[in-house]
Amino acid sequence: MSHTATHPAPAVLSATSNAELAALILRVSMGVLFLAHAWLKISVFTPAGTAAFFESIGFPGPLAYVVIAAEVFGGIALILGTWTRWVSLALIPILLGSIYAPHGAAGFIFSNQGGGWEFPAFWAVALAVQALLGDGSYALKRNTA
């Protein structure tokens, strides 16, 4: 006797497409990563130390505070699903800046001394994908356009 078990999706997921769930997972994971990066700059390197590092690689020191704020508020916005497309696009220059300096000089592979540009490049592409996908499921400010 052949027995095929069918398990219906939970009601909360049954009306949600895979693309909507994928956008949600991508959005929240990138938001968490941005918060982790900001926390590193705040708690380990300190904002003043981050500003000094920015100056050492040729960027204006005050730009560090802008980047920290963008990572915090952008991370929160992504997690909550508010202005997802615009936030994703706005965060891409931060990753491109990190490729320009300091990661670009370290080569491609991220495990190279100084961390290569592999990870920031992938993250920038993931942000572009998020901008194309939109909010996904469970967004606070859902944009269906």
N, C-alpha and C. Protein backbone atom coordinates (compact mmCIF):
# COMPACT_ATOMS: atom_id res chain seq x y z
N MET A 1 0.83 -1.16 0.00
CA MET A 1 0.00 0.00 0.00
C MET A 1 0.88 1.23 0.00
N SER A 2 0.70 2.01 -1.00
CA SER A 2 1.46 3.25 -1.14
C SER A 2 0.82 4.33 -0.28
N HIS A 3 1.67 5.04 0.43
CA HIS A 3 1.16 6.06 1.32
C HIS A 3 1.92 7.36 1.09
N THR A 4 1.25 8.33 0.59
CA THR A 4 1.87 9.63 0.37
C THR A 4 1.31 10.61 1.38
N ALA A 5 2.18 11.10 2.22
CA ALA A 5 1.73 12.06 3.23
C ALA A 5 1.77 13.46 2.64
N THR A 6 0.71 14.15 2.80
CA THR A 6 0.70 15.55 2.39
C THR A 6 0.50 16.38 3.63
N HIS A 7 1.38 17.32 3.78
CA HIS A 7 1.32 18.21 4.94
C HIS A 7 1.01 19.60 4.43
N PRO A 8 -0.16 20.08 4.74
CA PRO A 8 -0.49 21.43 4.28
C PRO A 8 0.42 22.45 4.98
N ALA A 9 0.72 23.51 4.25
CA ALA A 9 1.53 24.59 4.83
C ALA A 9 0.75 25.23 5.96
N PRO A 10 1.46 25.69 6.98
CA PRO A 10 0.75 26.42 8.04
C PRO A 10 -0.01 27.59 7.44
N ALA A 11 -1.15 27.92 8.03
CA ALA A 11 -2.02 28.96 7.48
C ALA A 11 -1.29 30.28 7.27
N VAL A 12 -0.36 30.59 8.14
CA VAL A 12 0.36 31.86 8.03
C VAL A 12 1.24 31.90 6.78
N LEU A 13 1.68 30.73 6.31
CA LEU A 13 2.55 30.68 5.14
C LEU A 13 1.82 30.33 3.85
N SER A 14 0.63 29.79 3.94
CA SER A 14 -0.05 29.28 2.76
C SER A 14 -0.36 30.36 1.73
N ALA A 15 -0.56 31.59 2.17
CA ALA A 15 -0.88 32.66 1.23
C ALA A 15 0.37 33.46 0.85
N THR A 16 1.53 32.97 1.23
CA THR A 16 2.77 33.69 0.99
C THR A 16 3.59 32.95 -0.04
N SER A 17 4.01 33.64 -1.08
CA SER A 17 4.81 33.00 -2.13
C SER A 17 6.25 32.81 -1.65
N ASN A 18 6.95 31.92 -2.33
CA ASN A 18 8.36 31.71 -2.02
C ASN A 18 9.16 32.98 -2.21
N ALA A 19 8.84 33.76 -3.25
CA ALA A 19 9.56 35.01 -3.50
C ALA A 19 9.35 36.00 -2.36
N GLU A 20 8.13 36.04 -1.82
CA GLU A 20 7.85 36.94 -0.69
C GLU A 20 8.64 36.50 0.55
N LEU A 21 8.70 35.20 0.78
CA LEU A 21 9.48 34.69 1.92
C LEU A 21 10.97 34.92 1.70
N ALA A 22 11.45 34.73 0.48
CA ALA A 22 12.86 34.96 0.17
C ALA A 22 13.23 36.42 0.41
N ALA A 23 12.37 37.33 -0.02
CA ALA A 23 12.63 38.76 0.20
C ALA A 23 12.67 39.07 1.69
N LEU A 24 11.78 38.46 2.46
CA LEU A 24 11.76 38.65 3.91
C LEU A 24 13.07 38.17 4.53
N ILE A 25 13.50 36.97 4.19
CA ILE A 25 14.72 36.40 4.76
C ILE A 25 15.93 37.25 4.39
N LEU A 26 16.02 37.65 3.14
CA LEU A 26 17.13 38.49 2.69
C LEU A 26 17.11 39.82 3.42
N ARG A 27 15.94 40.44 3.50
CA ARG A 27 15.79 41.75 4.13
C ARG A 27 16.21 41.72 5.59
N VAL A 28 15.70 40.75 6.33
CA VAL A 28 15.99 40.68 7.77
C VAL A 28 17.46 40.32 8.01
N SER A 29 17.98 39.38 7.24
CA SER A 29 19.38 38.99 7.46
C SER A 29 20.33 40.14 7.15
N MET A 30 20.06 40.90 6.09
CA MET A 30 20.93 42.05 5.81
C MET A 30 20.77 43.14 6.86
N GLY A 31 19.56 43.33 7.36
CA GLY A 31 19.36 44.29 8.44
C GLY A 31 20.17 43.93 9.67
N VAL A 32 20.15 42.66 10.03
CA VAL A 32 20.92 42.20 11.19
C VAL A 32 22.42 42.39 10.94
N LEU A 33 22.88 42.09 9.73
CA LEU A 33 24.30 42.28 9.41
C LEU A 33 24.70 43.76 9.50
N PHE A 34 23.84 44.66 9.03
CA PHE A 34 24.16 46.07 9.14
C PHE A 34 24.23 46.51 10.60
N LEU A 35 23.31 46.02 11.43
CA LEU A 35 23.36 46.35 12.85
C LEU A 35 24.63 45.80 13.50
N ALA A 36 25.03 44.60 13.11
CA ALA A 36 26.26 44.01 13.65
C ALA A 36 27.48 44.84 13.26
N HIS A 37 27.52 45.29 12.01
CA HIS A 37 28.62 46.14 11.55
C HIS A 37 28.65 47.46 12.31
N ALA A 38 27.49 48.06 12.51
CA ALA A 38 27.42 49.31 13.26
C ALA A 38 27.86 49.08 14.71
N TRP A 39 27.40 47.99 15.31
CA TRP A 39 27.75 47.69 16.69
C TRP A 39 29.27 47.51 16.84
N LEU A 40 29.91 46.88 15.88
CA LEU A 40 31.35 46.72 15.88
C LEU A 40 32.04 48.09 15.88
N LYS A 41 31.55 48.99 15.02
CA LYS A 41 32.13 50.33 14.94
C LYS A 41 31.89 51.14 16.21
N ILE A 42 30.76 50.90 16.87
CA ILE A 42 30.42 51.65 18.08
C ILE A 42 31.11 51.07 19.31
N SER A 43 31.02 49.76 19.50
CA SER A 43 31.46 49.16 20.76
C SER A 43 32.91 48.69 20.76
N VAL A 44 33.43 48.28 19.62
CA VAL A 44 34.80 47.76 19.58
C VAL A 44 35.77 48.84 19.11
N PHE A 45 35.52 49.39 17.94
CA PHE A 45 36.44 50.39 17.38
C PHE A 45 36.19 51.78 17.93
N THR A 46 34.99 52.03 18.45
CA THR A 46 34.48 53.32 18.93
C THR A 46 34.26 54.26 17.74
N PRO A 47 33.27 55.13 17.84
CA PRO A 47 33.04 56.08 16.75
C PRO A 47 34.27 56.94 16.45
N ALA A 48 34.96 57.41 17.49
CA ALA A 48 36.17 58.22 17.26
C ALA A 48 37.27 57.40 16.58
N GLY A 49 37.41 56.14 17.00
CA GLY A 49 38.40 55.26 16.37
C GLY A 49 38.04 54.96 14.93
N THR A 50 36.76 54.80 14.66
CA THR A 50 36.31 54.57 13.29
C THR A 50 36.59 55.80 12.43
N ALA A 51 36.34 56.99 13.00
CA ALA A 51 36.62 58.23 12.27
C ALA A 51 38.11 58.35 11.97
N ALA A 52 38.94 58.00 12.93
CA ALA A 52 40.40 58.05 12.71
C ALA A 52 40.80 57.05 11.62
N PHE A 53 40.18 55.87 11.63
CA PHE A 53 40.47 54.89 10.58
C PHE A 53 40.07 55.42 9.21
N PHE A 54 38.88 56.02 9.13
CA PHE A 54 38.43 56.59 7.86
C PHE A 54 39.46 57.60 7.35
N GLU A 55 39.95 58.45 8.23
CA GLU A 55 40.96 59.44 7.83
C GLU A 55 42.24 58.76 7.35
N SER A 56 42.61 57.66 8.00
CA SER A 56 43.85 56.96 7.64
C SER A 56 43.79 56.33 6.25
N ILE A 57 42.58 56.09 5.75
CA ILE A 57 42.44 55.50 4.41
C ILE A 57 41.98 56.52 3.38
N GLY A 58 42.00 57.80 3.78
CA GLY A 58 41.73 58.86 2.82
C GLY A 58 40.31 59.39 2.77
N PHE A 59 39.44 58.91 3.64
CA PHE A 59 38.08 59.43 3.71
C PHE A 59 38.01 60.51 4.79
N PRO A 60 37.07 61.44 4.69
CA PRO A 60 36.91 62.41 5.77
C PRO A 60 36.44 61.70 7.05
N GLY A 61 37.01 62.04 8.17
CA GLY A 61 36.65 61.43 9.44
C GLY A 61 35.17 61.49 9.76
N PRO A 62 34.51 62.65 9.57
CA PRO A 62 33.07 62.73 9.89
C PRO A 62 32.21 61.76 9.07
N LEU A 63 32.71 61.28 7.95
CA LEU A 63 31.96 60.31 7.16
C LEU A 63 31.70 59.03 7.96
N ALA A 64 32.58 58.72 8.90
CA ALA A 64 32.39 57.53 9.73
C ALA A 64 31.09 57.61 10.50
N TYR A 65 30.75 58.78 11.00
CA TYR A 65 29.51 58.93 11.76
C TYR A 65 28.29 58.78 10.86
N VAL A 66 28.41 59.24 9.64
CA VAL A 66 27.33 59.08 8.66
C VAL A 66 27.14 57.59 8.34
N VAL A 67 28.24 56.89 8.16
CA VAL A 67 28.18 55.46 7.85
C VAL A 67 27.58 54.69 9.03
N ILE A 68 28.01 55.01 10.24
CA ILE A 68 27.45 54.32 11.42
C ILE A 68 25.95 54.56 11.50
N ALA A 69 25.53 55.80 11.32
CA ALA A 69 24.09 56.12 11.37
C ALA A 69 23.34 55.39 10.26
N ALA A 70 23.90 55.36 9.06
CA ALA A 70 23.25 54.67 7.94
C ALA A 70 23.12 53.18 8.24
N GLU A 71 24.15 52.59 8.83
CA GLU A 71 24.10 51.17 9.15
C GLU A 71 23.05 50.88 10.23
N VAL A 72 22.97 51.75 11.24
CA VAL A 72 21.99 51.54 12.31
C VAL A 72 20.57 51.73 11.78
N PHE A 73 20.30 52.90 11.21
CA PHE A 73 18.94 53.19 10.76
C PHE A 73 18.55 52.36 9.54
N GLY A 74 19.51 52.09 8.65
CA GLY A 74 19.23 51.22 7.51
C GLY A 74 18.96 49.80 7.94
N GLY A 75 19.74 49.31 8.91
CA GLY A 75 19.52 47.96 9.43
C GLY A 75 18.15 47.81 10.07
N ILE A 76 17.78 48.80 10.87
CA ILE A 76 16.46 48.76 11.52
C ILE A 76 15.35 48.82 10.47
N ALA A 77 15.50 49.72 9.49
CA ALA A 77 14.47 49.85 8.44
C ALA A 77 14.32 48.56 7.66
N LEU A 78 15.44 47.88 7.37
CA LEU A 78 15.35 46.61 6.64
C LEU A 78 14.65 45.56 7.49
N ILE A 79 15.01 45.45 8.74
CA ILE A 79 14.38 44.45 9.60
C ILE A 79 12.88 44.69 9.69
N LEU A 80 12.49 45.94 9.85
CA LEU A 80 11.07 46.26 9.96
C LEU A 80 10.33 46.22 8.63
N GLY A 81 11.07 46.38 7.54
CA GLY A 81 10.44 46.40 6.22
C GLY A 81 9.83 47.75 5.91
N THR A 82 10.57 48.81 6.18
CA THR A 82 10.11 50.16 5.84
C THR A 82 11.04 50.74 4.79
N TRP A 83 10.46 51.23 3.72
CA TRP A 83 11.21 51.83 2.61
C TRP A 83 12.32 50.90 2.11
N THR A 84 12.02 49.63 2.02
CA THR A 84 13.02 48.60 1.72
C THR A 84 13.79 48.89 0.43
N ARG A 85 13.08 49.22 -0.63
CA ARG A 85 13.76 49.46 -1.91
C ARG A 85 14.73 50.63 -1.80
N TRP A 86 14.26 51.74 -1.22
CA TRP A 86 15.10 52.95 -1.12
C TRP A 86 16.25 52.74 -0.15
N VAL A 87 16.00 52.09 0.96
CA VAL A 87 17.06 51.83 1.94
C VAL A 87 18.13 50.93 1.32
N SER A 88 17.70 49.90 0.62
CA SER A 88 18.66 48.99 -0.03
C SER A 88 19.54 49.75 -1.01
N LEU A 89 18.94 50.59 -1.82
CA LEU A 89 19.73 51.38 -2.79
C LEU A 89 20.64 52.37 -2.09
N ALA A 90 20.16 52.97 -1.01
CA ALA A 90 20.97 53.96 -0.28
C ALA A 90 22.18 53.33 0.41
N LEU A 91 22.09 52.06 0.77
CA LEU A 91 23.20 51.40 1.46
C LEU A 91 24.27 50.87 0.50
N ILE A 92 23.97 50.74 -0.77
CA ILE A 92 24.95 50.23 -1.73
C ILE A 92 26.22 51.08 -1.76
N PRO A 93 26.15 52.42 -1.76
CA PRO A 93 27.40 53.20 -1.78
C PRO A 93 28.32 52.93 -0.58
N ILE A 94 27.76 52.55 0.55
CA ILE A 94 28.62 52.21 1.70
C ILE A 94 29.47 51.00 1.36
N LEU A 95 28.86 50.00 0.75
CA LEU A 95 29.60 48.80 0.37
C LEU A 95 30.60 49.10 -0.73
N LEU A 96 30.20 49.91 -1.70
CA LEU A 96 31.13 50.27 -2.77
C LEU A 96 32.30 51.07 -2.21
N GLY A 97 32.04 51.94 -1.24
CA GLY A 97 33.11 52.68 -0.58
C GLY A 97 34.06 51.75 0.15
N SER A 98 33.53 50.69 0.76
CA SER A 98 34.40 49.76 1.46
C SER A 98 35.22 48.91 0.48
N ILE A 99 34.72 48.76 -0.73
CA ILE A 99 35.52 48.08 -1.76
C ILE A 99 36.65 49.00 -2.21
N TYR A 100 36.32 50.27 -2.42
CA TYR A 100 37.32 51.26 -2.85
C TYR A 100 38.45 51.34 -1.83
N ALA A 101 38.11 51.47 -0.57
CA ALA A 101 39.10 51.51 0.51
C ALA A 101 38.40 51.02 1.76
N PRO A 102 38.89 50.08 2.44
CA PRO A 102 40.20 49.46 2.41
C PRO A 102 40.26 48.12 1.69
N HIS A 103 39.10 47.51 1.38
CA HIS A 103 39.10 46.12 0.92
C HIS A 103 39.65 45.91 -0.49
N GLY A 104 39.53 46.89 -1.36
CA GLY A 104 39.97 46.72 -2.74
C GLY A 104 41.45 46.42 -2.86
N ALA A 105 42.26 47.06 -2.04
CA ALA A 105 43.70 46.85 -2.11
C ALA A 105 44.11 45.47 -1.60
N ALA A 106 43.22 44.80 -0.87
CA ALA A 106 43.54 43.49 -0.29
C ALA A 106 43.27 42.35 -1.27
N GLY A 107 42.83 42.66 -2.49
CA GLY A 107 42.52 41.60 -3.44
C GLY A 107 41.08 41.14 -3.30
N PHE A 108 40.73 40.10 -4.01
CA PHE A 108 39.35 39.66 -4.07
C PHE A 108 38.93 38.84 -2.86
N ILE A 109 39.70 37.85 -2.47
CA ILE A 109 39.29 36.89 -1.44
C ILE A 109 39.21 37.58 -0.08
N PHE A 110 38.07 37.42 0.58
CA PHE A 110 37.84 38.13 1.83
C PHE A 110 38.75 37.64 2.95
N SER A 111 39.28 36.44 2.86
CA SER A 111 40.17 35.93 3.90
C SER A 111 41.60 36.45 3.74
N ASN A 112 41.86 37.21 2.68
CA ASN A 112 43.19 37.83 2.51
C ASN A 112 43.46 38.79 3.66
N GLN A 113 44.73 39.06 3.90
CA GLN A 113 45.11 40.06 4.91
C GLN A 113 44.41 41.38 4.56
N GLY A 114 43.72 41.97 5.52
CA GLY A 114 42.99 43.21 5.27
C GLY A 114 41.60 42.98 4.72
N GLY A 115 41.22 41.74 4.48
CA GLY A 115 39.88 41.43 3.98
C GLY A 115 39.66 41.92 2.57
N GLY A 116 39.63 41.04 1.62
CA GLY A 116 39.41 41.43 0.22
C GLY A 116 38.00 41.94 -0.02
N TRP A 117 37.72 42.23 -1.27
CA TRP A 117 36.44 42.88 -1.61
C TRP A 117 35.33 41.90 -1.97
N GLU A 118 35.57 40.60 -1.81
CA GLU A 118 34.58 39.57 -2.14
C GLU A 118 33.26 39.77 -1.38
N PHE A 119 33.32 39.89 -0.06
CA PHE A 119 32.11 40.01 0.75
C PHE A 119 31.37 41.33 0.51
N PRO A 120 32.05 42.49 0.53
CA PRO A 120 31.31 43.73 0.26
C PRO A 120 30.68 43.74 -1.14
N ALA A 121 31.33 43.14 -2.12
CA ALA A 121 30.75 43.09 -3.46
C ALA A 121 29.49 42.24 -3.48
N PHE A 122 29.56 41.08 -2.82
CA PHE A 122 28.38 40.22 -2.75
C PHE A 122 27.25 40.92 -2.02
N TRP A 123 27.57 41.61 -0.94
CA TRP A 123 26.57 42.32 -0.14
C TRP A 123 25.92 43.44 -0.96
N ALA A 124 26.71 44.13 -1.76
CA ALA A 124 26.16 45.18 -2.63
C ALA A 124 25.19 44.58 -3.65
N VAL A 125 25.55 43.44 -4.22
CA VAL A 125 24.66 42.76 -5.16
C VAL A 125 23.38 42.32 -4.45
N ALA A 126 23.51 41.79 -3.23
CA ALA A 126 22.33 41.36 -2.47
C ALA A 126 21.41 42.55 -2.19
N LEU A 127 21.98 43.72 -1.93
CA LEU A 127 21.16 44.91 -1.73
C LEU A 127 20.42 45.29 -3.02
N ALA A 128 21.09 45.16 -4.16
CA ALA A 128 20.43 45.44 -5.44
C ALA A 128 19.28 44.45 -5.67
N VAL A 129 19.51 43.19 -5.34
CA VAL A 129 18.46 42.18 -5.47
C VAL A 129 17.29 42.53 -4.55
N GLN A 130 17.60 42.95 -3.32
CA GLN A 130 16.54 43.33 -2.39
C GLN A 130 15.74 44.50 -2.93
N ALA A 131 16.40 45.46 -3.53
CA ALA A 131 15.70 46.61 -4.12
C ALA A 131 14.75 46.15 -5.23
N LEU A 132 15.17 45.15 -5.99
CA LEU A 132 14.31 44.62 -7.05
C LEU A 132 13.15 43.81 -6.49
N LEU A 133 13.41 43.02 -5.44
CA LEU A 133 12.37 42.18 -4.85
C LEU A 133 11.35 42.98 -4.06
N GLY A 134 11.80 44.02 -3.39
CA GLY A 134 10.90 44.81 -2.55
C GLY A 134 10.86 44.27 -1.14
N ASP A 135 9.78 44.60 -0.45
CA ASP A 135 9.67 44.35 0.98
C ASP A 135 9.62 42.88 1.36
N GLY A 136 8.90 42.08 0.62
CA GLY A 136 8.65 40.71 1.03
C GLY A 136 7.57 40.65 2.08
N SER A 137 7.40 39.50 2.66
CA SER A 137 6.37 39.27 3.67
C SER A 137 6.67 40.00 4.96
N TYR A 138 5.62 40.26 5.69
CA TYR A 138 5.70 40.79 7.05
C TYR A 138 6.47 42.10 7.15
N ALA A 139 6.28 42.97 6.19
CA ALA A 139 6.90 44.29 6.21
C ALA A 139 5.98 45.26 6.93
N LEU A 140 6.56 46.13 7.71
CA LEU A 140 5.78 47.12 8.44
C LEU A 140 5.09 48.08 7.48
N LYS A 141 5.83 48.52 6.47
CA LYS A 141 5.28 49.44 5.48
C LYS A 141 5.35 48.76 4.13
N ARG A 142 4.38 47.95 3.85
CA ARG A 142 4.38 47.14 2.63
C ARG A 142 4.18 47.97 1.38
N ASN A 143 5.11 47.82 0.42
CA ASN A 143 5.04 48.50 -0.86
C ASN A 143 4.84 47.45 -1.92
N THR A 144 3.71 47.43 -2.55
CA THR A 144 3.40 46.38 -3.53
C THR A 144 3.76 46.77 -4.94
N ALA A 145 4.35 47.95 -5.13
CA ALA A 145 4.70 48.40 -6.49
C ALA A 145 5.92 47.68 -7.01
